Amino acid sequence: MKKLCLLYCAALFVAGCGLIDGDRLHSVELKSTGCASETKAGSSDVDSKLILKYTSGGLLVTRNNARMNCAIKDGGIACDVSVEGNVIKYKVHQKSEFFADCICLVKEMSSVVTGLKEGNNYTLYYWCMDEMPLAAIDFTYKKGFRMSLDTDLYKAPLVDNGDGTWSPDVPVWW
């Protein structure tokens, strides 16, 4: 009976670790200014920044001047985050499955990624739909951490697919 109890307790511990360190996909609350301006062209003259900042509640992820499809005006914007060990996949996308023939400039959107351990090193893969994914972002999550990146300059490198096409060098997205 004692061995059975130890086996049962060990199984609970492993299952608990799997939930904490395993693949967790969840939607986080995303605050956004919505569509501030609209254009037919996919480019804009404004700088676009991704800002990462340590807070006591988690990693604050703020994006300024994101370019997204105008369908967000009707359907809104969502954010999915996957934390797998020390890898964070962060994807911003429109809620609607339909696309409009224009691009919106979203002045600011932000959310907080929770569950990170202070002092740990992480790699963030960030992708805002309708734009090229960013290159891997390595950082240490600790008090005082703040990083600002120009998203127009920090794009993921392209790799040859071997069939005449090229793809961003990022992990497979869900």
C-alpha atoms as a PDB file:
ATOM      1  CA  MET A   1       0.000   0.000   0.000  1.00  0.00           C
ATOM      2  CA  LYS A   2       2.872   2.356   0.830  1.00  0.00           C
ATOM      3  CA  LYS A   3       4.447   1.717  -2.620  1.00  0.00           C
ATOM      4  CA  LEU A   4       1.081   2.318  -4.305  1.00  0.00           C
ATOM      5  CA  CYS A   5       0.717   5.634  -2.460  1.00  0.00           C
ATOM      6  CA  LEU A   6       4.237   6.721  -3.515  1.00  0.00           C
ATOM      7  CA  LEU A   7       3.511   5.755  -7.131  1.00  0.00           C
ATOM      8  CA  TYR A   8       0.209   7.688  -7.049  1.00  0.00           C
ATOM      9  CA  CYS A   9       1.886  10.773  -5.527  1.00  0.00           C
ATOM     10  CA  ALA A  10       4.690  10.616  -8.128  1.00  0.00           C
ATOM     11  CA  ALA A  11       2.111  10.401 -10.941  1.00  0.00           C
ATOM     12  CA  LEU A  12       0.342  13.521  -9.615  1.00  0.00           C
ATOM     13  CA  PHE A  13       3.654  15.391  -9.445  1.00  0.00           C
ATOM     14  CA  VAL A  14       4.582  14.498 -13.027  1.00  0.00           C
ATOM     15  CA  ALA A  15       1.107  15.430 -14.296  1.00  0.00           C
ATOM     16  CA  GLY A  16       1.359  18.758 -12.441  1.00  0.00           C
ATOM     17  CA  CYS A  17       4.756  19.459 -14.007  1.00  0.00           C
ATOM     18  CA  GLY A  18       3.308  18.613 -17.421  1.00  0.00           C
ATOM     19  CA  LEU A  19       0.591  21.228 -16.964  1.00  0.00           C
ATOM     20  CA  ILE A  20       3.041  23.863 -15.761  1.00  0.00           C
ATOM     21  CA  ASP A  21       5.915  23.258 -18.194  1.00  0.00           C
ATOM     22  CA  GLY A  22       4.050  21.649 -21.070  1.00  0.00           C
ATOM     23  CA  ASP A  23       2.445  23.257 -24.083  1.00  0.00           C
ATOM     24  CA  ARG A  24      -0.142  25.747 -22.839  1.00  0.00           C
ATOM     25  CA  LEU A  25      -2.214  27.550 -25.420  1.00  0.00           C
ATOM     26  CA  HIS A  26      -4.512  30.247 -24.139  1.00  0.00           C
ATOM     27  CA  SER A  27      -5.963  33.548 -25.208  1.00  0.00           C
ATOM     28  CA  VAL A  28      -4.883  36.574 -23.233  1.00  0.00           C
ATOM     29  CA  GLU A  29      -6.751  39.831 -22.873  1.00  0.00           C
ATOM     30  CA  LEU A  30      -5.554  42.165 -25.590  1.00  0.00           C
ATOM     31  CA  LYS A  31      -6.200  45.882 -25.229  1.00  0.00           C
ATOM     32  CA  SER A  32      -6.214  47.785 -28.507  1.00  0.00           C
ATOM     33  CA  THR A  33      -6.928  51.236 -29.942  1.00  0.00           C
ATOM     34  CA  GLY A  34      -8.514  49.554 -32.971  1.00  0.00           C
ATOM     35  CA  CYS A  35      -8.189  50.798 -36.539  1.00  0.00           C
ATOM     36  CA  ALA A  36      -6.826  54.343 -36.423  1.00  0.00           C
ATOM     37  CA  SER A  37      -6.311  54.870 -40.151  1.00  0.00           C
ATOM     38  CA  GLU A  38      -6.813  52.930 -43.350  1.00  0.00           C
ATOM     39  CA  THR A  39      -4.914  52.578 -46.619  1.00  0.00           C
ATOM     40  CA  LYS A  40      -4.987  50.443 -49.760  1.00  0.00           C
ATOM     41  CA  ALA A  41      -1.220  50.050 -49.652  1.00  0.00           C
ATOM     42  CA  GLY A  42       0.457  47.672 -47.225  1.00  0.00           C
ATOM     43  CA  SER A  43       3.069  50.192 -46.152  1.00  0.00           C
ATOM     44  CA  SER A  44       3.105  53.085 -43.766  1.00  0.00           C
ATOM     45  CA  ASP A  45       5.481  55.937 -43.005  1.00  0.00           C
ATOM     46  CA  VAL A  46       5.238  55.531 -39.217  1.00  0.00           C
ATOM     47  CA  ASP A  47       7.700  53.591 -37.082  1.00  0.00           C
ATOM     48  CA  SER A  48       6.425  50.331 -35.645  1.00  0.00           C
ATOM     49  CA  LYS A  49       7.758  49.195 -32.261  1.00  0.00           C
ATOM     50  CA  LEU A  50       7.477  46.094 -30.094  1.00  0.00           C
ATOM     51  CA  ILE A  51       8.127  46.879 -26.439  1.00  0.00           C
ATOM     52  CA  LEU A  52       8.696  44.166 -23.827  1.00  0.00           C
ATOM     53  CA  LYS A  53       8.697  45.134 -20.154  1.00  0.00           C
ATOM     54  CA  TYR A  54       8.904  43.335 -16.820  1.00  0.00           C
ATOM     55  CA  THR A  55       5.952  43.966 -14.505  1.00  0.00           C
ATOM     56  CA  SER A  56       5.047  42.285 -11.229  1.00  0.00           C
ATOM     57  CA  GLY A  57       2.019  40.788 -13.021  1.00  0.00           C
ATOM     58  CA  GLY A  58       3.968  39.339 -15.952  1.00  0.00           C
ATOM     59  CA  LEU A  59       5.651  40.328 -19.205  1.00  0.00           C
ATOM     60  CA  LEU A  60       3.944  43.389 -20.695  1.00  0.00           C
ATOM     61  CA  VAL A  61       3.952  43.096 -24.501  1.00  0.00           C
ATOM     62  CA  THR A  62       3.085  46.353 -26.274  1.00  0.00           C
ATOM     63  CA  ARG A  63       2.963  46.883 -30.020  1.00  0.00           C
ATOM     64  CA  ASN A  64       2.787  50.352 -31.552  1.00  0.00           C
ATOM     65  CA  ASN A  65       1.638  51.058 -35.115  1.00  0.00           C
ATOM     66  CA  ALA A  66       0.825  47.512 -36.243  1.00  0.00           C
ATOM     67  CA  ARG A  67      -0.502  46.980 -39.750  1.00  0.00           C
ATOM     68  CA  MET A  68      -3.506  44.653 -39.892  1.00  0.00           C
ATOM     69  CA  ASN A  69      -6.311  43.842 -42.298  1.00  0.00           C
ATOM     70  CA  CYS A  70      -9.305  46.219 -42.090  1.00  0.00           C
ATOM     71  CA  ALA A  71     -11.562  43.261 -41.231  1.00  0.00           C
ATOM     72  CA  ILE A  72     -10.588  43.958 -37.601  1.00  0.00           C
ATOM     73  CA  LYS A  73     -13.072  46.861 -37.645  1.00  0.00           C
ATOM     74  CA  ASP A  74     -15.931  44.346 -37.676  1.00  0.00           C
ATOM     75  CA  GLY A  75     -14.437  41.281 -36.019  1.00  0.00           C
ATOM     76  CA  GLY A  76     -11.823  42.665 -33.630  1.00  0.00           C
ATOM     77  CA  ILE A  77      -8.338  41.454 -32.706  1.00  0.00           C
ATOM     78  CA  ALA A  78      -7.283  38.391 -30.697  1.00  0.00           C
ATOM     79  CA  CYS A  79      -3.994  37.228 -29.255  1.00  0.00           C
ATOM     80  CA  ASP A  80      -2.875  33.627 -28.676  1.00  0.00           C
ATOM     81  CA  VAL A  81       0.120  32.762 -26.517  1.00  0.00           C
ATOM     82  CA  SER A  82       1.854  29.426 -26.137  1.00  0.00           C
ATOM     83  CA  VAL A  83       4.492  28.939 -23.418  1.00  0.00           C
ATOM     84  CA  GLU A  84       6.568  25.780 -23.876  1.00  0.00           C
ATOM     85  CA  GLY A  85       9.433  25.653 -21.363  1.00  0.00           C
ATOM     86  CA  ASN A  86      11.479  28.768 -22.172  1.00  0.00           C
ATOM     87  CA  VAL A  87       9.862  29.389 -25.603  1.00  0.00           C
ATOM     88  CA  ILE A  88       6.993  31.864 -25.946  1.00  0.00           C
ATOM     89  CA  LYS A  89       4.977  31.940 -29.176  1.00  0.00           C
ATOM     90  CA  TYR A  90       2.888  35.091 -29.403  1.00  0.00           C
ATOM     91  CA  LYS A  91       0.455  35.558 -32.293  1.00  0.00           C
ATOM     92  CA  VAL A  92      -1.844  38.530 -32.886  1.00  0.00           C
ATOM     93  CA  HIS A  93      -4.596  37.948 -35.433  1.00  0.00           C
ATOM     94  CA  GLN A  94      -7.995  39.149 -36.517  1.00  0.00           C
ATOM     95  CA  LYS A  95     -11.019  37.327 -35.110  1.00  0.00           C
ATOM     96  CA  SER A  96     -12.860  37.342 -38.423  1.00  0.00           C
ATOM     97  CA  GLU A  97     -12.089  34.772 -41.118  1.00  0.00           C
ATOM     98  CA  PHE A  98     -12.923  37.319 -43.818  1.00  0.00           C
ATOM     99  CA  PHE A  99     -10.481  39.795 -45.318  1.00  0.00           C
ATOM    100  CA  ALA A 100     -11.027  43.322 -46.572  1.00  0.00           C
ATOM    101  CA  ASP A 101      -9.113  45.029 -49.380  1.00  0.00           C
ATOM    102  CA  CYS A 102      -7.350  47.505 -47.100  1.00  0.00           C
ATOM    103  CA  ILE A 103      -4.854  47.784 -44.258  1.00  0.00           C
ATOM    104  CA  CYS A 104      -5.480  49.361 -40.844  1.00  0.00           C
ATOM    105  CA  LEU A 105      -2.906  51.036 -38.670  1.00  0.00           C
ATOM    106  CA  VAL A 106      -3.455  49.982 -35.042  1.00  0.00           C
ATOM    107  CA  LYS A 107      -1.822  52.690 -32.898  1.00  0.00           C
ATOM    108  CA  GLU A 108      -1.319  50.466 -29.840  1.00  0.00           C
ATOM    109  CA  MET A 109      -2.166  47.027 -28.507  1.00  0.00           C
ATOM    110  CA  SER A 110      -0.905  45.395 -25.341  1.00  0.00           C
ATOM    111  CA  SER A 111      -1.294  42.347 -23.135  1.00  0.00           C
ATOM    112  CA  VAL A 112       0.443  40.648 -20.235  1.00  0.00           C
ATOM    113  CA  VAL A 113       1.976  37.165 -20.481  1.00  0.00           C
ATOM    114  CA  THR A 114       1.771  35.508 -17.065  1.00  0.00           C
ATOM    115  CA  GLY A 115       3.446  32.445 -15.591  1.00  0.00           C
ATOM    116  CA  LEU A 116       7.041  33.395 -16.415  1.00  0.00           C
ATOM    117  CA  LYS A 117       9.718  32.764 -13.786  1.00  0.00           C
ATOM    118  CA  GLU A 118      11.872  35.681 -12.726  1.00  0.00           C
ATOM    119  CA  GLY A 119      15.540  35.203 -13.635  1.00  0.00           C
ATOM    120  CA  ASN A 120      14.812  32.672 -16.418  1.00  0.00           C
ATOM    121  CA  ASN A 121      15.970  33.144 -19.998  1.00  0.00           C
ATOM    122  CA  TYR A 122      13.224  33.088 -22.649  1.00  0.00           C
ATOM    123  CA  THR A 123      12.953  33.184 -26.425  1.00  0.00           C
ATOM    124  CA  LEU A 124       9.943  35.038 -27.818  1.00  0.00           C
ATOM    125  CA  TYR A 125       8.584  34.422 -31.311  1.00  0.00           C
ATOM    126  CA  TYR A 126       6.227  37.276 -32.174  1.00  0.00           C
ATOM    127  CA  TRP A 127       3.925  37.363 -35.175  1.00  0.00           C
ATOM    128  CA  CYS A 128       1.293  39.943 -36.014  1.00  0.00           C
ATOM    129  CA  MET A 129      -0.831  38.588 -38.867  1.00  0.00           C
ATOM    130  CA  ASP A 130      -0.539  40.427 -42.184  1.00  0.00           C
ATOM    131  CA  GLU A 131       3.125  41.131 -41.401  1.00  0.00           C
ATOM    132  CA  MET A 132       6.315  39.103 -41.560  1.00  0.00           C
ATOM    133  CA  PRO A 133       7.115  37.296 -38.253  1.00  0.00           C
ATOM    134  CA  LEU A 134       9.881  38.847 -36.177  1.00  0.00           C
ATOM    135  CA  ALA A 135      13.244  37.185 -35.597  1.00  0.00           C
ATOM    136  CA  ALA A 136      13.669  35.261 -32.331  1.00  0.00           C
ATOM    137  CA  ILE A 137      13.932  37.606 -29.348  1.00  0.00           C
ATOM    138  CA  ASP A 138      16.099  36.347 -26.464  1.00  0.00           C
ATOM    139  CA  PHE A 139      15.790  37.976 -23.044  1.00  0.00           C
ATOM    140  CA  THR A 140      16.068  37.374 -19.305  1.00  0.00           C
ATOM    141  CA  TYR A 141      12.832  38.012 -17.421  1.00  0.00           C
ATOM    142  CA  LYS A 142      13.863  40.079 -14.380  1.00  0.00           C
ATOM    143  CA  LYS A 143      13.106  43.330 -12.590  1.00  0.00           C
ATOM    144  CA  GLY A 144      14.075  46.361 -14.639  1.00  0.00           C
ATOM    145  CA  PHE A 145      13.901  44.489 -17.966  1.00  0.00           C
ATOM    146  CA  ARG A 146      12.702  46.637 -20.882  1.00  0.00           C
ATOM    147  CA  MET A 147      13.385  46.115 -24.578  1.00  0.00           C
ATOM    148  CA  SER A 148      12.197  48.113 -27.578  1.00  0.00           C
ATOM    149  CA  LEU A 149      12.540  46.789 -31.137  1.00  0.00           C
ATOM    150  CA  ASP A 150      11.843  48.397 -34.499  1.00  0.00           C
ATOM    151  CA  THR A 151       9.568  45.760 -36.063  1.00  0.00           C
ATOM    152  CA  ASP A 152      10.355  46.953 -39.593  1.00  0.00           C
ATOM    153  CA  LEU A 153      14.036  46.094 -39.074  1.00  0.00           C
ATOM    154  CA  TYR A 154      13.746  42.985 -36.869  1.00  0.00           C
ATOM    155  CA  LYS A 155      12.128  40.539 -39.323  1.00  0.00           C
ATOM    156  CA  ALA A 156      12.757  36.788 -39.283  1.00  0.00           C
ATOM    157  CA  PRO A 157      15.315  35.619 -41.847  1.00  0.00           C
ATOM    158  CA  LEU A 158      14.011  33.676 -44.840  1.00  0.00           C
ATOM    159  CA  VAL A 159      14.977  30.076 -45.627  1.00  0.00           C
ATOM    160  CA  ASP A 160      14.807  28.293 -48.967  1.00  0.00           C
ATOM    161  CA  ASN A 161      12.061  25.640 -49.020  1.00  0.00           C
ATOM    162  CA  GLY A 162      13.866  23.822 -51.839  1.00  0.00           C
ATOM    163  CA  ASP A 163      10.968  24.265 -54.264  1.00  0.00           C
ATOM    164  CA  GLY A 164      11.592  27.836 -55.375  1.00  0.00           C
ATOM    165  CA  THR A 165       9.695  29.361 -52.441  1.00  0.00           C
ATOM    166  CA  TRP A 166      10.976  30.962 -49.257  1.00  0.00           C
ATOM    167  CA  SER A 167       9.543  30.946 -45.710  1.00  0.00           C
ATOM    168  CA  PRO A 168      10.353  32.810 -42.493  1.00  0.00           C
ATOM    169  CA  ASP A 169      12.732  30.890 -40.213  1.00  0.00           C
ATOM    170  CA  VAL A 170      10.374  30.544 -37.229  1.00  0.00           C
ATOM    171  CA  PRO A 171       8.767  27.616 -35.383  1.00  0.00           C
ATOM    172  CA  VAL A 172       5.575  26.107 -36.726  1.00  0.00           C
ATOM    173  CA  TRP A 173       2.594  28.190 -35.634  1.00  0.00           C
ATOM    174  CA  TRP A 174      -0.534  26.600 -34.215  1.00  0.00           C
END
